[in-house]
Amino acid sequence: MFGKIKQFFKEVKIELKKVVFPSRDEVIGSTKVVVVLVIIIAVFLGLIDMLLSKLIGMLVQ
């Protein structure tokens, strides 16, 4: 049983050596893209919500 656990951690170590982590600049660039897209989508959904609220308000009156 301990042999299997030891083998598992050996394989984990080998796989971790294959991982390529992004550079600091890549992470910052990706974060900026995500933040801008979230803001754009939030504004879009806010406008749609406002529009639908006004339309429903007009229909209810």
PDB file of N, CA and C in Angstrom:
ATOM      1  N   MET A   1       0.822  -1.202   0.000  1.00  0.00           N
ATOM      2  CA  MET A   1       0.000   0.000   0.000  1.00  0.00           C
ATOM      3  C   MET A   1       0.862   1.261   0.000  1.00  0.00           C
ATOM      4  N   PHE A   2       1.904   1.279   0.843  1.00  0.00           N
ATOM      5  CA  PHE A   2       2.770   2.455   0.894  1.00  0.00           C
ATOM      6  C   PHE A   2       3.553   2.619  -0.404  1.00  0.00           C
ATOM      7  N   GLY A   3       3.790   1.515  -1.094  1.00  0.00           N
ATOM      8  CA  GLY A   3       4.474   1.577  -2.385  1.00  0.00           C
ATOM      9  C   GLY A   3       3.641   2.325  -3.416  1.00  0.00           C
ATOM     10  N   LYS A   4       2.312   2.089  -3.382  1.00  0.00           N
ATOM     11  CA  LYS A   4       1.420   2.782  -4.315  1.00  0.00           C
ATOM     12  C   LYS A   4       1.364   4.273  -4.016  1.00  0.00           C
ATOM     13  N   ILE A   5       1.349   4.612  -2.724  1.00  0.00           N
ATOM     14  CA  ILE A   5       1.320   6.024  -2.331  1.00  0.00           C
ATOM     15  C   ILE A   5       2.611   6.706  -2.765  1.00  0.00           C
ATOM     16  N   LYS A   6       3.727   6.035  -2.555  1.00  0.00           N
ATOM     17  CA  LYS A   6       5.028   6.584  -2.953  1.00  0.00           C
ATOM     18  C   LYS A   6       5.080   6.782  -4.471  1.00  0.00           C
ATOM     19  N   GLN A   7       4.575   5.809  -5.214  1.00  0.00           N
ATOM     20  CA  GLN A   7       4.548   5.905  -6.674  1.00  0.00           C
ATOM     21  C   GLN A   7       3.663   7.066  -7.116  1.00  0.00           C
ATOM     22  N   PHE A   8       2.525   7.233  -6.444  1.00  0.00           N
ATOM     23  CA  PHE A   8       1.612   8.326  -6.772  1.00  0.00           C
ATOM     24  C   PHE A   8       2.312   9.675  -6.630  1.00  0.00           C
ATOM     25  N   PHE A   9       2.998   9.891  -5.516  1.00  0.00           N
ATOM     26  CA  PHE A   9       3.666  11.170  -5.306  1.00  0.00           C
ATOM     27  C   PHE A   9       4.838  11.371  -6.260  1.00  0.00           C
ATOM     28  N   LYS A  10       5.482  10.281  -6.670  1.00  0.00           N
ATOM     29  CA  LYS A  10       6.540  10.371  -7.675  1.00  0.00           C
ATOM     30  C   LYS A  10       5.959  10.866  -9.000  1.00  0.00           C
ATOM     31  N   GLU A  11       4.797  10.310  -9.373  1.00  0.00           N
ATOM     32  CA  GLU A  11       4.155  10.710 -10.621  1.00  0.00           C
ATOM     33  C   GLU A  11       3.649  12.152 -10.544  1.00  0.00           C
ATOM     34  N   VAL A  12       3.158  12.554  -9.375  1.00  0.00           N
ATOM     35  CA  VAL A  12       2.724  13.940  -9.186  1.00  0.00           C
ATOM     36  C   VAL A  12       3.899  14.883  -9.395  1.00  0.00           C
ATOM     37  N   LYS A  13       5.030  14.556  -8.843  1.00  0.00           N
ATOM     38  CA  LYS A  13       6.231  15.383  -8.984  1.00  0.00           C
ATOM     39  C   LYS A  13       6.646  15.494 -10.450  1.00  0.00           C
ATOM     40  N   ILE A  14       6.570  14.393 -11.173  1.00  0.00           N
ATOM     41  CA  ILE A  14       6.928  14.394 -12.596  1.00  0.00           C
ATOM     42  C   ILE A  14       5.967  15.275 -13.384  1.00  0.00           C
ATOM     43  N   GLU A  15       4.661  15.161 -13.096  1.00  0.00           N
ATOM     44  CA  GLU A  15       3.665  15.969 -13.808  1.00  0.00           C
ATOM     45  C   GLU A  15       3.810  17.452 -13.489  1.00  0.00           C
ATOM     46  N   LEU A  16       4.135  17.772 -12.245  1.00  0.00           N
ATOM     47  CA  LEU A  16       4.303  19.184 -11.870  1.00  0.00           C
ATOM     48  C   LEU A  16       5.493  19.827 -12.582  1.00  0.00           C
ATOM     49  N   LYS A  17       6.477  19.030 -12.929  1.00  0.00           N
ATOM     50  CA  LYS A  17       7.618  19.577 -13.670  1.00  0.00           C
ATOM     51  C   LYS A  17       7.227  19.962 -15.092  1.00  0.00           C
ATOM     52  N   LYS A  18       6.134  19.372 -15.608  1.00  0.00           N
ATOM     53  CA  LYS A  18       5.670  19.665 -16.965  1.00  0.00           C
ATOM     54  C   LYS A  18       4.819  20.932 -17.036  1.00  0.00           C
ATOM     55  N   VAL A  19       4.354  21.404 -15.888  1.00  0.00           N
ATOM     56  CA  VAL A  19       3.456  22.557 -15.853  1.00  0.00           C
ATOM     57  C   VAL A  19       4.222  23.826 -16.201  1.00  0.00           C
ATOM     58  N   VAL A  20       3.625  24.646 -17.073  1.00  0.00           N
ATOM     59  CA  VAL A  20       4.211  25.929 -17.430  1.00  0.00           C
ATOM     60  C   VAL A  20       3.333  27.018 -16.816  1.00  0.00           C
ATOM     61  N   PHE A  21       3.868  27.713 -15.839  1.00  0.00           N
ATOM     62  CA  PHE A  21       3.109  28.755 -15.173  1.00  0.00           C
ATOM     63  C   PHE A  21       3.254  30.064 -15.944  1.00  0.00           C
ATOM     64  N   PRO A  22       2.180  30.867 -16.003  1.00  0.00           N
ATOM     65  CA  PRO A  22       2.255  32.134 -16.731  1.00  0.00           C
ATOM     66  C   PRO A  22       3.161  33.130 -16.014  1.00  0.00           C
ATOM     67  N   SER A  23       3.710  34.043 -16.812  1.00  0.00           N
ATOM     68  CA  SER A  23       4.566  35.072 -16.222  1.00  0.00           C
ATOM     69  C   SER A  23       3.696  36.123 -15.535  1.00  0.00           C
ATOM     70  N   ARG A  24       4.315  36.983 -14.786  1.00  0.00           N
ATOM     71  CA  ARG A  24       3.590  38.038 -14.080  1.00  0.00           C
ATOM     72  C   ARG A  24       2.851  38.941 -15.072  1.00  0.00           C
ATOM     73  N   ASP A  25       3.509  39.291 -16.178  1.00  0.00           N
ATOM     74  CA  ASP A  25       2.884  40.162 -17.182  1.00  0.00           C
ATOM     75  C   ASP A  25       1.666  39.501 -17.823  1.00  0.00           C
ATOM     76  N   GLU A  26       1.754  38.197 -18.075  1.00  0.00           N
ATOM     77  CA  GLU A  26       0.616  37.480 -18.652  1.00  0.00           C
ATOM     78  C   GLU A  26      -0.572  37.456 -17.693  1.00  0.00           C
ATOM     79  N   VAL A  27      -0.295  37.252 -16.420  1.00  0.00           N
ATOM     80  CA  VAL A  27      -1.364  37.225 -15.413  1.00  0.00           C
ATOM     81  C   VAL A  27      -2.014  38.598 -15.299  1.00  0.00           C
ATOM     82  N   ILE A  28      -1.207  39.645 -15.281  1.00  0.00           N
ATOM     83  CA  ILE A  28      -1.750  41.005 -15.183  1.00  0.00           C
ATOM     84  C   ILE A  28      -2.584  41.324 -16.418  1.00  0.00           C
ATOM     85  N   GLY A  29      -2.102  40.970 -17.599  1.00  0.00           N
ATOM     86  CA  GLY A  29      -2.847  41.213 -18.830  1.00  0.00           C
ATOM     87  C   GLY A  29      -4.179  40.473 -18.848  1.00  0.00           C
ATOM     88  N   SER A  30      -4.162  39.217 -18.456  1.00  0.00           N
ATOM     89  CA  SER A  30      -5.400  38.432 -18.413  1.00  0.00           C
ATOM     90  C   SER A  30      -6.377  39.003 -17.391  1.00  0.00           C
ATOM     91  N   THR A  31      -5.868  39.448 -16.266  1.00  0.00           N
ATOM     92  CA  THR A  31      -6.728  40.034 -15.237  1.00  0.00           C
ATOM     93  C   THR A  31      -7.399  41.303 -15.746  1.00  0.00           C
ATOM     94  N   LYS A  32      -6.647  42.129 -16.468  1.00  0.00           N
ATOM     95  CA  LYS A  32      -7.225  43.359 -17.025  1.00  0.00           C
ATOM     96  C   LYS A  32      -8.350  43.030 -18.002  1.00  0.00           C
ATOM     97  N   VAL A  33      -8.128  42.033 -18.850  1.00  0.00           N
ATOM     98  CA  VAL A  33      -9.156  41.634 -19.813  1.00  0.00           C
ATOM     99  C   VAL A  33     -10.415  41.168 -19.084  1.00  0.00           C
ATOM    100  N   VAL A  34     -10.251  40.363 -18.060  1.00  0.00           N
ATOM    101  CA  VAL A  34     -11.395  39.853 -17.301  1.00  0.00           C
ATOM    102  C   VAL A  34     -12.150  40.989 -16.630  1.00  0.00           C
ATOM    103  N   VAL A  35     -11.439  41.916 -16.004  1.00  0.00           N
ATOM    104  CA  VAL A  35     -12.098  43.033 -15.314  1.00  0.00           C
ATOM    105  C   VAL A  35     -12.880  43.890 -16.311  1.00  0.00           C
ATOM    106  N   VAL A  36     -12.288  44.202 -17.456  1.00  0.00           N
ATOM    107  CA  VAL A  36     -12.973  45.020 -18.462  1.00  0.00           C
ATOM    108  C   VAL A  36     -14.226  44.302 -18.972  1.00  0.00           C
ATOM    109  N   LEU A  37     -14.119  43.013 -19.260  1.00  0.00           N
ATOM    110  CA  LEU A  37     -15.279  42.269 -19.739  1.00  0.00           C
ATOM    111  C   LEU A  37     -16.382  42.190 -18.691  1.00  0.00           C
ATOM    112  N   VAL A  38     -16.019  42.021 -17.443  1.00  0.00           N
ATOM    113  CA  VAL A  38     -17.020  41.976 -16.370  1.00  0.00           C
ATOM    114  C   VAL A  38     -17.745  43.314 -16.275  1.00  0.00           C
ATOM    115  N   ILE A  39     -17.012  44.418 -16.392  1.00  0.00           N
ATOM    116  CA  ILE A  39     -17.638  45.741 -16.329  1.00  0.00           C
ATOM    117  C   ILE A  39     -18.588  45.926 -17.513  1.00  0.00           C
ATOM    118  N   ILE A  40     -18.148  45.542 -18.711  1.00  0.00           N
ATOM    119  CA  ILE A  40     -18.990  45.685 -19.903  1.00  0.00           C
ATOM    120  C   ILE A  40     -20.274  44.865 -19.759  1.00  0.00           C
ATOM    121  N   ILE A  41     -20.149  43.637 -19.324  1.00  0.00           N
ATOM    122  CA  ILE A  41     -21.321  42.774 -19.165  1.00  0.00           C
ATOM    123  C   ILE A  41     -22.241  43.301 -18.071  1.00  0.00           C
ATOM    124  N   ALA A  42     -21.677  43.810 -16.979  1.00  0.00           N
ATOM    125  CA  ALA A  42     -22.491  44.356 -15.889  1.00  0.00           C
ATOM    126  C   ALA A  42     -23.287  45.565 -16.362  1.00  0.00           C
ATOM    127  N   VAL A  43     -22.653  46.449 -17.121  1.00  0.00           N
ATOM    128  CA  VAL A  43     -23.362  47.625 -17.643  1.00  0.00           C
ATOM    129  C   VAL A  43     -24.458  47.180 -18.612  1.00  0.00           C
ATOM    130  N   PHE A  44     -24.157  46.245 -19.489  1.00  0.00           N
ATOM    131  CA  PHE A  44     -25.147  45.744 -20.444  1.00  0.00           C
ATOM    132  C   PHE A  44     -26.348  45.146 -19.713  1.00  0.00           C
ATOM    133  N   LEU A  45     -26.099  44.273 -18.760  1.00  0.00           N
ATOM    134  CA  LEU A  45     -27.195  43.647 -18.028  1.00  0.00           C
ATOM    135  C   LEU A  45     -27.970  44.668 -17.200  1.00  0.00           C
ATOM    136  N   GLY A  46     -27.282  45.661 -16.658  1.00  0.00           N
ATOM    137  CA  GLY A  46     -27.964  46.720 -15.916  1.00  0.00           C
ATOM    138  C   GLY A  46     -28.904  47.506 -16.810  1.00  0.00           C
ATOM    139  N   LEU A  47     -28.452  47.824 -18.013  1.00  0.00           N
ATOM    140  CA  LEU A  47     -29.305  48.558 -18.960  1.00  0.00           C
ATOM    141  C   LEU A  47     -30.512  47.722 -19.389  1.00  0.00           C
ATOM    142  N   ILE A  48     -30.293  46.464 -19.665  1.00  0.00           N
ATOM    143  CA  ILE A  48     -31.398  45.574 -20.038  1.00  0.00           C
ATOM    144  C   ILE A  48     -32.394  45.470 -18.885  1.00  0.00           C
ATOM    145  N   ASP A  49     -31.905  45.344 -17.671  1.00  0.00           N
ATOM    146  CA  ASP A  49     -32.773  45.256 -16.497  1.00  0.00           C
ATOM    147  C   ASP A  49     -33.600  46.528 -16.347  1.00  0.00           C
ATOM    148  N   MET A  50     -32.969  47.677 -16.510  1.00  0.00           N
ATOM    149  CA  MET A  50     -33.685  48.949 -16.402  1.00  0.00           C
ATOM    150  C   MET A  50     -34.765  49.053 -17.480  1.00  0.00           C
ATOM    151  N   LEU A  51     -34.405  48.687 -18.704  1.00  0.00           N
ATOM    152  CA  LEU A  51     -35.348  48.745 -19.811  1.00  0.00           C
ATOM    153  C   LEU A  51     -36.555  47.832 -19.565  1.00  0.00           C
ATOM    154  N   LEU A  52     -36.293  46.613 -19.163  1.00  0.00           N
ATOM    155  CA  LEU A  52     -37.388  45.678 -18.905  1.00  0.00           C
ATOM    156  C   LEU A  52     -38.242  46.123 -17.722  1.00  0.00           C
ATOM    157  N   SER A  53     -37.622  46.691 -16.701  1.00  0.00           N
ATOM    158  CA  SER A  53     -38.381  47.188 -15.552  1.00  0.00           C
ATOM    159  C   SER A  53     -39.339  48.294 -15.978  1.00  0.00           C
ATOM    160  N   LYS A  54     -38.855  49.208 -16.814  1.00  0.00           N
ATOM    161  CA  LYS A  54     -39.713  50.316 -17.296  1.00  0.00           C
ATOM    162  C   LYS A  54     -40.837  49.777 -18.165  1.00  0.00           C
ATOM    163  N   LEU A  55     -40.531  48.815 -19.039  1.00  0.00           N
ATOM    164  CA  LEU A  55     -41.563  48.244 -19.898  1.00  0.00           C
ATOM    165  C   LEU A  55     -42.633  47.528 -19.076  1.00  0.00           C
ATOM    166  N   ILE A  56     -42.240  46.763 -18.108  1.00  0.00           N
ATOM    167  CA  ILE A  56     -43.202  46.057 -17.254  1.00  0.00           C
ATOM    168  C   ILE A  56     -43.996  47.064 -16.440  1.00  0.00           C
ATOM    169  N   GLY A  57     -43.340  48.108 -15.965  1.00  0.00           N
ATOM    170  CA  GLY A  57     -44.049  49.168 -15.218  1.00  0.00           C
ATOM    171  C   GLY A  57     -45.097  49.839 -16.070  1.00  0.00           C
ATOM    172  N   MET A  58     -44.791  50.065 -17.346  1.00  0.00           N
ATOM    173  CA  MET A  58     -45.764  50.686 -18.245  1.00  0.00           C
ATOM    174  C   MET A  58     -46.921  49.738 -18.527  1.00  0.00           C
ATOM    175  N   LEU A  59     -46.653  48.452 -18.638  1.00  0.00           N
ATOM    176  CA  LEU A  59     -47.701  47.471 -18.904  1.00  0.00           C
ATOM    177  C   LEU A  59     -48.642  47.298 -17.707  1.00  0.00           C
ATOM    178  N   VAL A  60     -48.096  47.395 -16.502  1.00  0.00           N
ATOM    179  CA  VAL A  60     -48.892  47.188 -15.298  1.00  0.00           C
ATOM    180  C   VAL A  60     -49.830  48.354 -15.073  1.00  0.00           C
ATOM    181  N   GLN A  61     -49.442  49.553 -15.439  1.00  0.00           N
ATOM    182  CA  GLN A  61     -50.289  50.734 -15.199  1.00  0.00           C
ATOM    183  C   GLN A  61     -51.527  50.684 -15.967  1.00  0.00           C
TER     184      GLN A  61
END
